[in-house]
Amino acid sequence: MLYYEKGIELFRGDYIMAHNWSKGTHSLDSEQRHISTPPQQESSREDPVPSVAGVVEAVEEAASGDEASRRLLLRVIQPGLAGLMDGSVSTLAPIFATAFATHRPITAFLVGMAAATGAGISMAFSEALSDNGELTGRGGPVMRGAITGGMTFLGGSLHTLPFLVQNLHVALLIAYVVVAVELVVIAAIRYRFFGTKWWLSMLQVVGGGALVFAAAIIFGNA
């Protein structure tokens, strides 16, 4: 009986020790997990400050865009505008002078096409031979000459085509409208790409055309 009671006490003591050890183990594990687990970082972070390399890259991209616009202006738009202005204005005098003097639309048409062709060839060589593009950065002379010559021929031939109409008065009326459209387009290009004020551009272009047209009236009615 005595041995039985001692055995029960030993069993109870082992049970209590095991229970306490188990509780201490769980607490230790919980503390270890609490220590070893880093706190979660905040999901929201401030936007990173742009680096110097990013700023430099953005500036280079903007500069390259400006350089491309400048090349387009010098190599395409400016030569084309010069040709269009020359063809649209300089050929007015011979075309309309012939129409006023002969009263034959077909003759005015032939003179106009000859004038447009000659002016286109002349302007093409003038543009190509005046600047090789090495010092000014205006591109190859052949390309610029082709653009200038082509636009000169276009400007001179557009208001020549109405004289294919057999009726002189109708041909003149259509030609007047075409010339007006050409001058407005020239003024718009100068306003858009060269920063010229609209009213000033119109005044300069229309004023030049009026002077040439006055010469056509004078020589056509001489």
Protein backbone atom coordinates (compact mmCIF):
# COMPACT_ATOMS: atom_id res chain seq x y z
CA MET A 1 0.00 0.00 0.00
CA LEU A 2 2.86 2.33 0.86
CA TYR A 3 4.61 1.54 -2.37
CA TYR A 4 1.39 2.19 -4.25
CA GLU A 5 0.96 5.66 -2.72
CA LYS A 6 4.58 6.56 -3.49
CA GLY A 7 4.11 5.47 -7.04
CA ILE A 8 1.09 7.67 -7.41
CA GLU A 9 3.02 10.64 -5.99
CA LEU A 10 5.91 10.02 -8.38
CA PHE A 11 3.51 9.78 -11.30
CA ARG A 12 1.87 13.07 -10.27
CA GLY A 13 5.27 14.75 -9.93
CA ASP A 14 6.36 13.53 -13.36
CA TYR A 15 3.09 14.71 -14.84
CA ILE A 16 3.42 18.20 -13.31
CA MET A 17 7.05 18.48 -14.46
CA ALA A 18 6.13 17.36 -17.95
CA HIS A 19 3.22 19.81 -18.03
CA ASN A 20 5.37 22.69 -16.83
CA TRP A 21 8.14 21.78 -19.31
CA SER A 22 5.58 21.64 -22.07
CA LYS A 23 4.26 25.08 -21.18
CA GLY A 24 7.76 26.50 -21.04
CA THR A 25 8.59 25.01 -24.41
CA HIS A 26 5.55 26.52 -26.06
CA SER A 27 6.31 29.91 -24.58
CA LEU A 28 9.93 29.69 -25.71
CA ASP A 29 8.92 28.70 -29.21
CA SER A 30 6.47 31.58 -29.33
CA GLU A 31 9.14 34.03 -28.23
CA GLN A 32 11.62 32.63 -30.75
CA ARG A 33 9.07 32.96 -33.52
CA HIS A 34 8.34 36.49 -32.37
CA ILE A 35 12.01 37.41 -32.38
CA SER A 36 13.01 35.62 -35.58
CA THR A 37 10.09 36.90 -37.65
CA PRO A 38 10.89 40.40 -38.94
CA PRO A 39 8.12 42.93 -38.86
CA GLN A 40 6.31 43.32 -42.13
CA GLN A 41 7.37 46.30 -44.13
CA GLU A 42 4.81 48.89 -44.95
CA SER A 43 3.21 48.25 -48.31
CA SER A 44 3.09 51.90 -49.21
CA ARG A 45 6.43 53.53 -49.90
CA GLU A 46 7.25 56.93 -51.14
CA ASP A 47 8.11 57.29 -54.82
CA PRO A 48 11.85 57.15 -55.40
CA VAL A 49 13.58 60.40 -56.19
CA PRO A 50 14.59 60.56 -59.89
CA SER A 51 18.23 59.72 -60.34
CA VAL A 52 20.73 61.93 -62.08
CA ALA A 53 21.02 59.41 -64.91
CA GLY A 54 17.26 59.53 -65.49
CA VAL A 55 17.25 63.31 -65.65
CA VAL A 56 20.17 63.32 -68.09
CA GLU A 57 18.42 60.74 -70.27
CA ALA A 58 15.23 62.82 -70.36
CA VAL A 59 17.20 65.92 -71.35
CA GLU A 60 18.99 64.00 -74.11
CA GLU A 61 15.67 62.71 -75.47
CA ALA A 62 14.23 66.23 -75.54
CA ALA A 63 17.38 67.53 -77.23
CA SER A 64 17.27 64.79 -79.84
CA GLY A 65 13.63 65.67 -80.58
CA ASP A 66 14.54 69.33 -81.02
CA GLU A 67 17.45 68.39 -83.25
CA ALA A 68 15.20 66.24 -85.45
CA SER A 69 12.73 69.12 -85.80
CA ARG A 70 15.56 71.47 -86.70
CA ARG A 71 16.87 69.08 -89.38
CA LEU A 72 13.38 68.74 -90.85
CA LEU A 73 13.02 72.51 -90.94
CA LEU A 74 16.38 73.16 -92.59
CA ARG A 75 16.47 70.22 -94.99
CA VAL A 76 12.85 69.88 -96.12
CA ILE A 77 10.50 72.68 -95.11
CA GLN A 78 12.74 75.67 -95.85
CA PRO A 79 13.86 74.47 -99.32
CA GLY A 80 10.31 73.48 -100.17
CA LEU A 81 8.91 76.82 -99.03
CA ALA A 82 11.50 78.74 -101.04
CA GLY A 83 10.56 76.80 -104.16
CA LEU A 84 6.83 77.17 -103.61
CA MET A 85 7.16 80.91 -103.12
CA ASP A 86 9.28 81.34 -106.22
CA GLY A 87 7.05 79.23 -108.43
CA SER A 88 3.81 80.73 -107.18
CA VAL A 89 4.91 84.36 -107.44
CA SER A 90 7.55 84.68 -110.15
CA THR A 91 5.53 82.92 -112.85
CA LEU A 92 2.49 85.15 -112.37
CA ALA A 93 3.87 87.90 -114.59
CA PRO A 94 4.60 85.88 -117.75
CA ILE A 95 1.40 83.80 -117.52
CA PHE A 96 -1.07 86.61 -116.99
CA ALA A 97 0.79 89.02 -119.26
CA THR A 98 0.48 86.48 -122.07
CA ALA A 99 -3.22 85.93 -121.33
CA PHE A 100 -3.92 89.67 -121.34
CA ALA A 101 -1.87 90.30 -124.50
CA THR A 102 -2.99 87.39 -126.68
CA HIS A 103 -6.43 86.54 -125.26
CA ARG A 104 -5.58 82.91 -126.02
CA PRO A 105 -5.71 80.60 -122.99
CA ILE A 106 -3.66 77.84 -124.68
CA THR A 107 -0.84 80.27 -125.34
CA ALA A 108 -0.87 81.36 -121.71
CA PHE A 109 -0.81 77.69 -120.73
CA LEU A 110 2.27 76.96 -122.85
CA VAL A 111 4.08 80.03 -121.58
CA GLY A 112 3.16 79.14 -118.00
CA MET A 113 4.42 75.56 -118.27
CA ALA A 114 7.64 76.75 -119.88
CA ALA A 115 8.11 79.32 -117.11
CA ALA A 116 7.38 76.77 -114.37
CA THR A 117 9.79 74.25 -115.88
CA GLY A 118 12.55 76.77 -116.33
CA ALA A 119 12.08 78.19 -112.85
CA GLY A 120 12.10 74.70 -111.33
CA ILE A 121 15.38 73.77 -113.03
CA SER A 122 16.94 77.09 -112.14
CA MET A 123 15.92 76.90 -108.48
CA ALA A 124 17.06 73.29 -108.20
CA PHE A 125 20.57 74.13 -109.39
CA SER A 126 20.64 77.31 -107.36
CA GLU A 127 19.78 75.51 -104.13
CA ALA A 128 22.08 72.56 -104.77
CA LEU A 129 25.13 74.56 -105.83
CA SER A 130 24.84 77.35 -103.26
CA ASP A 131 25.37 75.15 -100.20
CA ASN A 132 26.88 71.67 -99.87
CA GLY A 133 25.42 71.31 -96.39
CA GLU A 134 28.69 70.59 -94.59
CA LEU A 135 28.99 73.93 -92.83
CA THR A 136 25.32 74.75 -92.38
CA GLY A 137 24.02 71.25 -91.61
CA ARG A 138 21.22 71.63 -94.15
CA GLY A 139 21.63 68.15 -95.59
CA GLY A 140 22.71 66.87 -98.98
CA PRO A 141 22.60 69.35 -101.86
CA VAL A 142 20.97 66.91 -104.28
CA MET A 143 18.00 66.29 -101.99
CA ARG A 144 17.54 69.97 -101.20
CA GLY A 145 17.81 70.88 -104.88
CA ALA A 146 15.24 68.28 -105.83
CA ILE A 147 12.82 69.53 -103.17
CA THR A 148 13.25 73.17 -104.15
CA GLY A 149 12.99 72.49 -107.88
CA GLY A 150 9.96 70.26 -107.49
CA MET A 151 8.09 72.75 -105.33
CA THR A 152 8.97 75.57 -107.72
CA PHE A 153 7.51 73.64 -110.64
CA LEU A 154 4.43 72.77 -108.58
CA GLY A 155 3.82 76.38 -107.57
CA GLY A 156 4.21 77.62 -111.14
CA SER A 157 2.11 74.94 -112.78
CA LEU A 158 -0.89 74.99 -110.45
CA HIS A 159 -2.18 78.37 -111.63
CA THR A 160 -1.19 77.48 -115.21
CA LEU A 161 -3.54 74.50 -115.47
CA PRO A 162 -6.74 76.64 -115.48
CA PHE A 163 -5.70 78.00 -118.89
CA LEU A 164 -6.53 74.66 -120.41
CA VAL A 165 -10.10 75.99 -120.32
CA GLN A 166 -10.97 77.50 -123.69
CA ASN A 167 -12.95 80.41 -122.28
CA LEU A 168 -10.47 83.09 -121.25
CA HIS A 169 -12.68 84.72 -118.61
CA VAL A 170 -13.42 81.38 -116.92
CA ALA A 171 -9.75 80.41 -117.06
CA LEU A 172 -8.73 83.72 -115.50
CA LEU A 173 -11.33 83.37 -112.74
CA ILE A 174 -10.14 79.86 -111.83
CA ALA A 175 -6.51 81.00 -111.97
CA TYR A 176 -7.26 83.87 -109.57
CA VAL A 177 -8.74 81.44 -107.05
CA VAL A 178 -5.77 79.07 -107.37
CA VAL A 179 -3.30 81.91 -106.85
CA ALA A 180 -5.17 83.05 -103.74
CA VAL A 181 -5.06 79.53 -102.30
CA GLU A 182 -1.32 79.28 -103.04
CA LEU A 183 -0.58 82.54 -101.27
CA VAL A 184 -2.63 81.54 -98.22
CA VAL A 185 -0.80 78.20 -98.03
CA ILE A 186 2.57 79.97 -98.18
CA ALA A 187 1.52 82.36 -95.42
CA ALA A 188 0.26 79.46 -93.31
CA ILE A 189 3.57 77.58 -93.65
CA ARG A 190 5.52 80.66 -92.61
CA TYR A 191 3.17 81.13 -89.66
CA ARG A 192 3.33 77.47 -88.59
CA PHE A 193 7.01 76.68 -88.95
CA PHE A 194 8.83 80.01 -88.82
CA GLY A 195 6.85 81.83 -86.16
CA THR A 196 5.80 84.71 -88.42
CA LYS A 197 2.68 86.48 -87.28
CA TRP A 198 -0.32 85.54 -89.35
CA TRP A 199 -1.27 89.05 -90.44
CA LEU A 200 2.34 89.94 -91.21
CA SER A 201 2.84 86.77 -93.22
CA MET A 202 -0.31 87.42 -95.23
CA LEU A 203 0.71 91.03 -95.81
CA GLN A 204 4.17 90.09 -97.06
CA VAL A 205 3.08 87.23 -99.31
CA VAL A 206 0.05 88.99 -100.77
CA GLY A 207 2.06 92.18 -101.20
CA GLY A 208 4.72 90.35 -103.20
CA GLY A 209 2.12 88.66 -105.36
CA ALA A 210 0.36 91.97 -105.98
CA LEU A 211 3.58 93.57 -107.23
CA VAL A 212 4.18 90.73 -109.69
CA PHE A 213 0.57 90.79 -110.84
CA ALA A 214 0.87 94.54 -111.40
CA ALA A 215 3.83 93.85 -113.68
CA ALA A 216 1.67 91.34 -115.61
CA ILE A 217 -1.04 93.96 -116.11
CA ILE A 218 1.46 96.58 -117.25
CA PHE A 219 3.23 94.39 -119.81
CA GLY A 220 0.08 92.54 -120.85
CA ASN A 221 -1.63 95.76 -121.85
CA ALA A 222 1.35 97.55 -123.31
